[in-house]
Amino acid sequence: MSLVLSPSNRGPQKAAMPLRAFVVTLIGALALLVQATATQARGAPESFADLAERFSPAVVNITTTTVVEASTDSMPMVPEGSPFQDFFEDFMNRNGPGQGQPQRPRKSQALGSGFVISEDGYIVTNNHVIEGADEIEIEFFEDFTLPATLVGTDPKTDIALLKVESDVPLKFVSFGDSDIARVGDWVMAMGNPLGQGFSVSAGIISQRGRALSGIYDDFIQTDAAINRGNSGGPLFNMDGEVIGVNTAILSPNGGSIGIGFSMASNVVSKVVNQLQEFGETRRGWLGVRIQNVSDDVAEAMGLAAAKGALITDVPEGPSKEAGLESGDVILSFDNKDIDDPDALVRTVGDTEVGKAVRVTVFRDGKTKTLMVTLGRREDAENASMPQDGSDGATPEAPQSVELMGLTLQPLTDDLREQLGVSAGTDGLAVVEVDEAAEAFEKGLRAGDVITEAGQEKVTSVADLEARVEAARDAGRNTVLLLVRRSGEPRFVALGVN
């Protein structure tokens, strides 16, 4: 008996062929998509030549000349009356008069890089490239030179602005948005490394938000080769925008090891705009001393999270006029959340002088918003920070007590004089610190002065004991102390259990 396949039996077999083809096609498409995605993720350009050719004319070499005064004493130093004195005098003068006389001043030269930001000749570089220079000469890619004048500098960000006069419009580059640059993005550095002339190197962004030593630091770290002489040159993104100014390298031998730092363009552009308009910087000034909020400080204050900037002192200035107090924690400034003191410093510095801003603080377990009209930081740079005055309380008779690993004694006139504390200041002097105690671990030392506990003034040991007991009653494990050392205040949280 033979089996005859009917059309209905053959139907499924005919349908299976298109399904297999669809699956194969789908797999192939997915493979191509994965390959395309991988290629896009790498983002490796075929060449940097087009960028280099297009933007090299806006990058400049900078030569500075400084007049160095020669020593007025060119004779070797020998003791008066020494038997060698006559010998050295004869040696210095054996070729006739004039030997041993003060030499003429000499000129010293240094090299750096920069870039043109406008067709009328404004040039950005590092402050350390031109600092102290008597003459500044700009060499352009098209092989001509022009003298430059200094418009202004900002040592805090190591930025300087120069100006040249040209008969023809100059080729220039523009700043990009450094905030959108990502770790792993390709970048290209240009400049004058080791005096070799115009040079290009490429790499990626290794990290963002690096700080070296300045309070306004926001460096882009890159592995693009940066060497001496590259200082002041631009760091380009792949759109040909300047996202950084090459400033420093980390190196044990002075050469590039792939760890270079460029000041972010969003910092530089603000500085350049102010230098261009005013010839100087004009940063906002809040007028407070601040410190970080640690976990134990947050617990002592009843803060939900260890964030913000804790005010340790409020001298005469904008904040005092607005009602900010020592012990306040600044949580937001001008509607921007503040995570730490560095964020507050940068945000305030970027804010317009004279602007009235909302400052939200945490005080006595609640948030409070105050309006502060900012001053100018540069005007307050050299102002001394005054010490807290007396609150009129009369200290009790001297007595020592041990508490939380501290041996304490109320301030007397003699102790104030010994510790260099302002007359009229009240508090408890730290006479001794148990080295096995938490207080020693957190940096308290003999000679420190405790002026507040639990954000209330203390003038006696009894006051401190009351604040400690209040912290326990409130279910807290720590009490917050305001400690002064040589007039400098800081908050320290100590355990009370």
Protein backbone atom coordinates (compact mmCIF):
# COMPACT_ATOMS: atom_id res chain seq x y z
CA MET A 1 0.00 0.00 0.00
CA SER A 2 1.42 3.30 -0.96
CA LEU A 3 1.02 6.59 0.83
CA VAL A 4 -0.05 9.51 -1.31
CA LEU A 5 0.57 12.96 0.10
CA SER A 6 -2.42 15.19 -0.21
CA PRO A 7 -2.23 18.91 -0.76
CA SER A 8 -3.24 19.44 2.85
CA ASN A 9 -0.26 17.31 3.93
CA ARG A 10 2.10 19.24 1.70
CA GLY A 11 0.83 22.59 2.94
CA PRO A 12 2.94 22.75 6.16
CA GLN A 13 6.09 21.80 4.25
CA LYS A 14 5.62 24.68 1.81
CA ALA A 15 5.08 27.15 4.74
CA ALA A 16 8.28 26.01 6.51
CA MET A 17 10.54 27.29 3.76
CA PRO A 18 9.65 31.01 4.13
CA LEU A 19 9.87 30.71 7.93
CA ARG A 20 13.42 29.39 7.74
CA ALA A 21 14.35 32.15 5.35
CA PHE A 22 12.82 34.72 7.70
CA VAL A 23 14.77 33.36 10.68
CA VAL A 24 18.01 33.35 8.71
CA THR A 25 17.33 36.88 7.51
CA LEU A 26 16.51 38.01 11.07
CA ILE A 27 19.69 36.50 12.48
CA GLY A 28 21.72 38.16 9.78
CA ALA A 29 20.10 41.52 10.47
CA LEU A 30 20.76 41.19 14.19
CA ALA A 31 24.38 40.34 13.48
CA LEU A 32 24.74 43.42 11.32
CA LEU A 33 23.05 45.53 14.03
CA VAL A 34 25.41 44.21 16.71
CA GLN A 35 28.39 44.86 14.44
CA ALA A 36 27.18 48.40 13.70
CA THR A 37 26.55 49.07 17.39
CA ALA A 38 30.01 47.82 18.29
CA THR A 39 31.53 50.04 15.62
CA GLN A 40 29.54 53.01 16.87
CA ALA A 41 30.59 52.33 20.49
CA ARG A 42 34.26 52.36 19.49
CA GLY A 43 33.77 55.68 17.71
CA ALA A 44 37.31 55.53 16.36
CA PRO A 45 37.81 58.08 13.59
CA GLU A 46 39.60 56.95 10.47
CA SER A 47 41.87 59.98 10.75
CA PHE A 48 42.33 63.23 12.66
CA ALA A 49 43.84 64.88 9.59
CA ASP A 50 40.77 66.90 8.60
CA LEU A 51 40.40 68.35 12.10
CA ALA A 52 44.08 69.12 12.36
CA GLU A 53 44.16 70.81 8.97
CA ARG A 54 41.06 72.85 9.69
CA PHE A 55 41.92 74.15 13.16
CA SER A 56 45.74 74.37 13.21
CA PRO A 57 45.69 77.99 11.96
CA ALA A 58 43.92 79.03 15.20
CA VAL A 59 46.53 77.40 17.46
CA VAL A 60 49.58 79.50 18.34
CA ASN A 61 53.02 79.15 19.85
CA ILE A 62 53.84 81.63 22.60
CA THR A 63 57.33 82.89 23.43
CA THR A 64 57.80 85.01 26.53
CA THR A 65 60.83 87.09 27.42
CA THR A 66 61.65 88.07 30.98
CA VAL A 67 64.46 90.38 32.07
CA VAL A 68 66.39 88.69 34.87
CA GLU A 69 68.39 90.97 37.12
CA ALA A 70 71.94 89.72 37.58
CA SER A 71 73.44 89.31 41.01
CA THR A 72 75.26 92.38 42.30
CA ASP A 73 77.71 90.14 44.08
CA SER A 74 79.55 87.98 41.59
CA MET A 75 82.56 87.37 43.84
CA PRO A 76 82.55 84.08 45.74
CA MET A 77 81.47 84.42 49.34
CA VAL A 78 84.45 84.02 51.69
CA PRO A 79 84.75 85.06 55.33
CA GLU A 80 86.07 88.56 55.95
CA GLY A 81 89.81 88.34 56.71
CA SER A 82 90.06 84.82 55.34
CA PRO A 83 93.43 83.86 53.81
CA PHE A 84 91.46 82.98 50.67
CA GLN A 85 90.08 86.52 50.30
CA ASP A 86 93.12 87.93 48.50
CA PHE A 87 93.32 84.85 46.31
CA PHE A 88 89.71 85.19 45.07
CA GLU A 89 90.06 88.96 44.55
CA ASP A 90 93.16 88.37 42.40
CA PHE A 91 91.38 85.59 40.50
CA MET A 92 88.30 87.73 39.73
CA ASN A 93 90.42 90.69 38.59
CA ARG A 94 93.29 88.98 36.77
CA ASN A 95 91.82 89.85 33.37
CA GLY A 96 91.68 93.54 34.19
CA PRO A 97 89.17 95.90 35.72
CA GLY A 98 85.47 95.10 35.46
CA GLN A 99 85.80 91.46 36.49
CA GLY A 100 83.85 90.87 39.67
CA GLN A 101 81.64 93.90 39.01
CA PRO A 102 77.83 93.55 38.82
CA GLN A 103 76.80 91.94 35.55
CA ARG A 104 74.21 93.32 33.16
CA PRO A 105 70.63 92.04 33.33
CA ARG A 106 69.97 89.11 31.01
CA LYS A 107 66.89 87.93 29.16
CA SER A 108 65.23 84.60 29.83
CA GLN A 109 62.79 82.99 27.40
CA ALA A 110 60.01 80.44 27.89
CA LEU A 111 57.66 78.64 25.51
CA GLY A 112 54.00 77.73 25.65
CA SER A 113 50.85 77.36 23.60
CA GLY A 114 47.53 79.12 23.11
CA PHE A 115 44.59 79.50 20.74
CA VAL A 116 42.72 82.34 19.05
CA ILE A 117 39.05 82.75 20.08
CA SER A 118 38.06 85.74 17.92
CA GLU A 119 38.96 87.15 14.53
CA ASP A 120 40.04 90.43 16.17
CA GLY A 121 42.87 88.73 18.03
CA TYR A 122 41.91 87.54 21.52
CA ILE A 123 44.06 84.58 22.58
CA VAL A 124 43.64 82.18 25.51
CA THR A 125 46.56 80.52 27.30
CA ASN A 126 47.65 79.51 30.80
CA ASN A 127 48.58 82.13 33.36
CA HIS A 128 51.77 80.26 34.21
CA VAL A 129 52.89 80.54 30.57
CA ILE A 130 53.00 84.36 30.62
CA GLU A 131 53.35 85.12 34.33
CA GLY A 132 56.04 87.72 34.95
CA ALA A 133 56.79 88.15 31.24
CA ASP A 134 58.09 91.48 29.97
CA GLU A 135 57.46 90.64 26.33
CA ILE A 136 55.01 88.19 24.72
CA GLU A 137 55.34 87.11 21.10
CA ILE A 138 52.77 85.02 19.22
CA GLU A 139 53.83 82.72 16.37
CA PHE A 140 51.04 81.69 14.02
CA PHE A 141 50.69 78.52 11.98
CA GLU A 142 50.95 80.51 8.75
CA ASP A 143 54.51 81.47 9.77
CA PHE A 144 54.14 85.06 10.96
CA THR A 145 54.53 86.59 14.40
CA LEU A 146 52.79 89.37 16.31
CA PRO A 147 53.46 90.98 19.68
CA ALA A 148 50.76 90.45 22.33
CA THR A 149 49.50 92.50 25.24
CA LEU A 150 48.09 91.05 28.42
CA VAL A 151 44.36 91.68 28.91
CA GLY A 152 43.95 89.92 32.25
CA THR A 153 44.73 86.79 34.26
CA ASP A 154 43.05 84.47 36.73
CA PRO A 155 45.61 82.54 38.79
CA LYS A 156 42.84 80.51 40.46
CA THR A 157 42.06 78.72 37.20
CA ASP A 158 45.49 79.37 35.63
CA ILE A 159 43.93 81.20 32.68
CA ALA A 160 45.23 84.30 30.88
CA LEU A 161 43.77 86.35 28.04
CA LEU A 162 46.04 88.05 25.48
CA LYS A 163 45.36 90.40 22.57
CA VAL A 164 47.17 90.91 19.26
CA GLU A 165 46.52 93.52 16.59
CA SER A 166 46.29 92.16 13.06
CA ASP A 167 45.61 93.84 9.72
CA VAL A 168 43.55 90.86 8.60
CA PRO A 169 40.90 88.81 10.42
CA LEU A 170 42.44 85.87 12.23
CA LYS A 171 41.20 82.31 12.11
CA PHE A 172 39.72 81.26 15.43
CA VAL A 173 38.07 78.38 17.30
CA SER A 174 35.04 78.25 19.58
CA PHE A 175 34.39 76.76 23.00
CA GLY A 176 32.23 73.65 23.27
CA ASP A 177 30.14 72.37 26.17
CA SER A 178 32.54 70.41 28.37
CA ASP A 179 29.67 69.21 30.58
CA ILE A 180 28.40 66.86 27.86
CA ALA A 181 31.84 65.35 27.20
CA ARG A 182 31.94 61.73 28.34
CA VAL A 183 34.64 59.43 29.63
CA GLY A 184 35.84 57.48 26.61
CA ASP A 185 35.21 60.22 24.03
CA TRP A 186 37.98 60.87 21.52
CA VAL A 187 39.88 64.15 21.91
CA MET A 188 42.76 65.88 20.12
CA ALA A 189 45.40 68.09 21.75
CA MET A 190 47.40 70.69 19.87
CA GLY A 191 50.33 72.87 20.89
CA ASN A 192 54.07 73.39 21.07
CA PRO A 193 55.50 70.48 23.09
CA LEU A 194 59.10 70.89 24.21
CA GLY A 195 59.53 73.74 21.75
CA GLN A 196 59.08 71.46 18.74
CA GLY A 197 56.51 73.69 17.09
CA PHE A 198 52.98 72.86 16.00
CA SER A 199 52.14 69.32 17.06
CA VAL A 200 49.02 67.17 17.30
CA SER A 201 48.28 64.26 19.63
CA ALA A 202 45.10 62.24 20.19
CA GLY A 203 43.55 60.12 22.89
CA ILE A 204 40.40 59.78 24.92
CA ILE A 205 38.87 61.41 27.97
CA SER A 206 40.10 59.27 30.85
CA GLN A 207 38.04 60.94 33.60
CA ARG A 208 36.01 64.05 34.38
CA GLY A 209 35.87 66.44 37.32
CA ARG A 210 39.47 66.08 38.49
CA ALA A 211 40.76 68.57 41.08
CA LEU A 212 44.44 69.37 41.56
CA SER A 213 44.95 72.25 43.99
CA GLY A 214 42.51 75.04 43.15
CA ILE A 215 39.09 75.72 44.64
CA TYR A 216 37.58 76.15 41.15
CA ASP A 217 39.26 73.12 39.59
CA ASP A 218 37.29 71.09 37.06
CA PHE A 219 39.87 69.24 34.99
CA ILE A 220 39.35 66.80 32.17
CA GLN A 221 41.89 63.97 32.40
CA THR A 222 43.15 62.65 29.07
CA ASP A 223 45.71 60.19 27.77
CA ALA A 224 46.42 62.37 24.72
CA ALA A 225 50.14 63.18 24.88
CA ILE A 226 50.71 66.48 26.69
CA ASN A 227 54.23 67.67 27.44
CA ARG A 228 55.98 70.84 28.59
CA GLY A 229 55.17 73.53 26.09
CA ASN A 230 51.64 72.20 25.53
CA SER A 231 50.45 74.39 28.40
CA GLY A 232 47.73 76.75 27.23
CA GLY A 233 46.92 74.78 24.10
CA PRO A 234 43.43 73.54 23.21
CA LEU A 235 41.84 70.14 23.74
CA PHE A 236 39.34 69.53 20.92
CA ASN A 237 36.36 67.23 20.70
CA MET A 238 35.52 65.53 17.43
CA ASP A 239 33.33 68.45 16.38
CA GLY A 240 36.34 70.75 16.47
CA GLU A 241 35.19 72.57 19.61
CA VAL A 242 37.56 73.45 22.45
CA ILE A 243 36.44 71.57 25.55
CA GLY A 244 39.59 72.11 27.60
CA VAL A 245 42.79 74.10 28.04
CA ASN A 246 45.83 71.83 28.49
CA THR A 247 47.33 72.82 31.83
CA ALA A 248 49.22 70.10 33.69
CA ILE A 249 50.59 66.57 33.58
CA LEU A 250 51.23 63.92 36.19
CA SER A 251 54.69 62.52 35.56
CA PRO A 252 57.65 61.20 37.54
CA ASN A 253 60.11 62.33 34.86
CA GLY A 254 58.61 65.48 33.35
CA GLY A 255 57.42 63.72 30.19
CA SER A 256 54.00 62.44 29.19
CA ILE A 257 52.94 59.12 30.69
CA GLY A 258 49.34 59.45 29.52
CA ILE A 259 47.97 61.41 32.47
CA GLY A 260 47.28 64.97 31.38
CA PHE A 261 44.82 67.56 32.66
CA SER A 262 42.84 70.19 30.76
CA MET A 263 40.76 72.84 32.50
CA ALA A 264 37.15 72.33 31.39
CA SER A 265 35.89 74.84 28.84
CA ASN A 266 32.76 75.68 30.84
CA VAL A 267 35.04 77.05 33.56
CA VAL A 268 37.41 78.75 31.11
CA SER A 269 34.73 80.45 29.02
CA LYS A 270 33.23 82.21 32.06
CA VAL A 271 36.67 83.44 33.13
CA VAL A 272 37.52 84.60 29.60
CA ASN A 273 34.24 86.52 29.28
CA GLN A 274 34.97 88.41 32.51
CA LEU A 275 38.58 89.12 31.55
CA GLN A 276 37.43 90.35 28.17
CA GLU A 277 34.77 92.62 29.66
CA PHE A 278 36.45 93.82 32.86
CA GLY A 279 40.13 92.86 32.61
CA GLU A 280 39.67 90.89 35.85
CA THR A 281 37.42 88.26 37.38
CA ARG A 282 34.29 89.12 39.36
CA ARG A 283 33.14 86.10 41.34
CA GLY A 284 30.22 85.91 43.71
CA TRP A 285 30.99 85.88 47.44
CA LEU A 286 28.70 84.41 50.07
CA GLY A 287 30.90 85.26 53.06
CA VAL A 288 30.89 82.08 55.17
CA ARG A 289 33.38 79.49 56.34
CA ILE A 290 32.25 75.97 55.59
CA GLN A 291 33.18 72.34 56.09
CA ASN A 292 32.05 68.94 54.90
CA VAL A 293 29.07 67.16 56.49
CA SER A 294 30.31 63.75 57.63
CA ASP A 295 28.05 60.86 58.60
CA ASP A 296 28.52 61.41 62.31
CA VAL A 297 27.94 65.17 61.97
CA ALA A 298 24.74 64.46 60.03
CA GLU A 299 23.60 62.08 62.76
CA ALA A 300 24.38 64.60 65.48
CA MET A 301 22.35 67.27 63.70
CA GLY A 302 19.44 65.04 62.73
CA LEU A 303 20.09 65.33 59.00
CA ALA A 304 18.64 62.57 56.84
CA ALA A 305 21.77 62.40 54.66
CA ALA A 306 25.40 63.51 54.90
CA LYS A 307 25.28 66.22 52.26
CA GLY A 308 25.45 69.99 52.01
CA ALA A 309 27.95 72.53 53.36
CA LEU A 310 28.13 73.13 57.12
CA ILE A 311 28.73 76.75 58.10
CA THR A 312 31.41 77.08 60.78
CA ASP A 313 31.69 80.87 60.90
CA VAL A 314 29.80 83.90 59.58
CA PRO A 315 31.94 87.07 59.54
CA GLU A 316 30.66 90.49 58.55
CA GLY A 317 29.37 90.22 55.01
CA PRO A 318 26.46 89.16 52.82
CA SER A 319 25.52 86.04 54.80
CA LYS A 320 25.54 87.74 58.17
CA GLU A 321 23.35 90.53 56.82
CA ALA A 322 20.92 87.90 55.47
CA GLY A 323 20.72 86.01 58.76
CA LEU A 324 22.77 82.88 58.09
CA GLU A 325 24.28 81.39 61.25
CA SER A 326 27.12 79.15 62.32
CA GLY A 327 25.77 75.61 62.41
CA ASP A 328 23.45 76.05 59.42
CA VAL A 329 23.82 73.45 56.69
CA ILE A 330 23.41 74.89 53.20
CA LEU A 331 21.33 72.42 51.19
CA SER A 332 20.63 74.50 48.09
CA PHE A 333 21.88 77.73 46.55
CA ASP A 334 20.01 79.64 43.86
CA ASN A 335 17.72 76.61 43.37
CA LYS A 336 20.70 74.28 42.85
CA ASP A 337 21.24 71.34 45.21
CA ILE A 338 24.52 71.48 47.14
CA ASP A 339 26.16 68.11 47.76
CA ASP A 340 29.39 69.29 49.37
CA PRO A 341 31.47 72.43 50.10
CA ASP A 342 33.31 72.26 46.76
CA ALA A 343 30.01 72.37 44.89
CA LEU A 344 28.96 75.43 46.90
CA VAL A 345 32.23 77.28 46.22
CA ARG A 346 32.02 76.65 42.47
CA THR A 347 28.32 77.54 42.27
CA VAL A 348 28.73 80.76 44.24
CA GLY A 349 31.80 81.73 42.21
CA ASP A 350 29.86 81.31 38.97
CA THR A 351 27.01 83.53 40.18
CA GLU A 352 26.75 87.19 39.29
CA VAL A 353 28.03 89.70 41.85
CA GLY A 354 25.12 91.64 43.39
CA LYS A 355 22.53 89.00 42.56
CA ALA A 356 19.94 88.18 45.25
CA VAL A 357 19.72 84.39 45.57
CA ARG A 358 17.69 81.93 47.62
CA VAL A 359 19.74 79.92 50.10
CA THR A 360 18.03 76.98 51.80
CA VAL A 361 19.58 75.84 55.08
CA PHE A 362 18.91 73.14 57.65
CA ARG A 363 18.57 74.70 61.10
CA ASP A 364 17.17 73.28 64.35
CA GLY A 365 15.69 70.26 62.60
CA LYS A 366 13.89 72.28 59.91
CA THR A 367 14.67 73.86 56.56
CA LYS A 368 14.71 77.63 56.20
CA THR A 369 15.13 79.77 53.09
CA LEU A 370 16.85 83.15 53.17
CA MET A 371 17.63 85.72 50.48
CA VAL A 372 21.30 86.65 50.20
CA THR A 373 22.70 89.43 48.00
CA LEU A 374 26.15 88.29 46.90
CA GLY A 375 29.26 90.37 47.34
CA ARG A 376 32.43 90.14 45.25
CA ARG A 377 35.00 87.58 46.31
CA GLU A 378 37.97 89.56 45.01
CA ASP A 379 37.02 92.51 47.25
CA ALA A 380 37.02 90.22 50.29
CA GLU A 381 40.15 88.19 49.49
CA ASN A 382 42.38 89.97 51.98
CA ALA A 383 39.73 90.71 54.58
CA SER A 384 40.47 89.14 57.96
CA MET A 385 37.89 86.81 59.43
CA PRO A 386 36.87 88.23 62.83
CA GLN A 387 36.55 86.11 65.92
CA ASP A 388 33.29 85.65 67.74
CA GLY A 389 32.79 88.21 70.49
CA SER A 390 31.53 87.64 74.00
CA ASP A 391 27.87 86.90 74.57
CA GLY A 392 28.05 88.68 77.91
CA ALA A 393 28.15 85.55 80.05
CA THR A 394 30.45 85.42 83.06
CA PRO A 395 32.65 82.31 83.25
CA GLU A 396 32.58 80.33 86.40
CA ALA A 397 35.64 79.75 88.55
CA PRO A 398 38.28 77.54 86.91
CA GLN A 399 37.68 73.82 87.29
CA SER A 400 38.77 70.80 85.29
CA VAL A 401 36.61 67.86 84.36
CA GLU A 402 37.00 64.79 82.15
CA LEU A 403 34.32 64.21 79.55
CA MET A 404 34.34 62.17 76.31
CA GLY A 405 38.09 61.62 76.59
CA LEU A 406 38.75 65.34 77.08
CA THR A 407 40.09 67.17 80.10
CA LEU A 408 38.32 70.53 79.98
CA GLN A 409 38.54 73.84 81.79
CA PRO A 410 36.55 77.06 81.33
CA LEU A 411 38.51 79.87 79.69
CA THR A 412 40.16 82.39 81.97
CA ASP A 413 42.06 85.53 81.08
CA ASP A 414 45.33 83.63 81.57
CA LEU A 415 44.18 80.77 79.33
CA ARG A 416 42.98 83.19 76.68
CA GLU A 417 46.40 84.81 76.63
CA GLN A 418 48.19 81.45 76.52
CA LEU A 419 46.00 80.09 73.72
CA GLY A 420 45.86 83.33 71.74
CA VAL A 421 42.09 83.54 72.10
CA SER A 422 40.39 86.90 71.64
CA ALA A 423 39.49 88.74 74.80
CA GLY A 424 35.87 88.16 75.73
CA THR A 425 35.62 84.76 74.00
CA ASP A 426 33.92 82.16 76.19
CA GLY A 427 34.16 78.40 76.03
CA LEU A 428 36.04 75.39 77.32
CA ALA A 429 39.77 74.93 76.84
CA VAL A 430 40.95 71.41 76.04
CA VAL A 431 43.71 70.79 78.58
CA GLU A 432 44.42 67.16 77.68
CA VAL A 433 43.14 64.52 75.26
CA ASP A 434 43.10 60.78 75.94
CA GLU A 435 44.97 59.26 72.99
CA ALA A 436 42.76 56.17 73.14
CA ALA A 437 39.58 58.23 72.88
CA GLU A 438 37.46 59.05 69.83
CA ALA A 439 38.24 62.75 70.37
CA PHE A 440 41.94 62.16 69.70
CA GLU A 441 41.15 60.10 66.60
CA LYS A 442 39.06 62.97 65.25
CA GLY A 443 41.86 65.46 65.68
CA LEU A 444 41.13 67.26 68.96
CA ARG A 445 44.27 68.34 70.78
CA ALA A 446 45.30 70.23 73.89
CA GLY A 447 44.90 73.95 73.23
CA ASP A 448 41.66 73.62 71.27
CA VAL A 449 38.69 75.65 72.49
CA ILE A 450 35.10 74.38 72.45
CA THR A 451 32.68 77.29 72.05
CA GLU A 452 29.46 75.44 71.17
CA ALA A 453 27.85 72.07 71.83
CA GLY A 454 24.62 70.93 70.24
CA GLN A 455 24.69 74.27 68.34
CA GLU A 456 24.36 76.24 71.58
CA LYS A 457 27.08 78.29 73.29
CA VAL A 458 28.91 76.72 76.21
CA THR A 459 30.59 78.80 78.91
CA SER A 460 30.94 76.12 81.56
CA VAL A 461 31.42 72.41 82.00
CA ALA A 462 27.82 72.23 83.18
CA ASP A 463 26.67 73.65 79.85
CA LEU A 464 28.54 70.94 77.95
CA GLU A 465 27.20 68.19 80.22
CA ALA A 466 23.67 69.50 79.64
CA ARG A 467 24.15 69.41 75.85
CA VAL A 468 25.47 65.85 76.04
CA GLU A 469 22.49 64.77 78.13
CA ALA A 470 20.10 66.52 75.74
CA ALA A 471 21.61 64.57 72.83
CA ARG A 472 21.07 61.30 74.70
CA ASP A 473 17.48 62.24 75.55
CA ALA A 474 16.85 62.98 71.86
CA GLY A 475 18.05 59.49 70.97
CA ARG A 476 21.21 60.69 69.24
CA ASN A 477 24.51 58.88 69.44
CA THR A 478 26.65 62.00 69.00
CA VAL A 479 26.86 65.63 70.04
CA LEU A 480 28.11 68.33 67.69
CA LEU A 481 30.96 70.50 69.00
CA LEU A 482 32.23 73.76 67.50
CA VAL A 483 35.98 73.70 68.06
CA ARG A 484 38.40 76.56 67.42
CA ARG A 485 42.14 76.25 66.95
CA SER A 486 44.14 79.43 66.41
CA GLY A 487 40.84 81.12 65.63
CA GLU A 488 39.93 78.63 62.87
CA PRO A 489 36.52 76.98 63.53
CA ARG A 490 35.35 73.48 62.61
CA PHE A 491 32.58 71.14 63.74
CA VAL A 492 33.36 67.75 65.29
CA ALA A 493 30.79 65.10 66.25
CA LEU A 494 31.69 62.99 69.32
CA GLY A 495 29.87 59.94 70.62
CA VAL A 496 27.84 60.39 73.83
CA ASN A 497 27.20 56.74 74.70
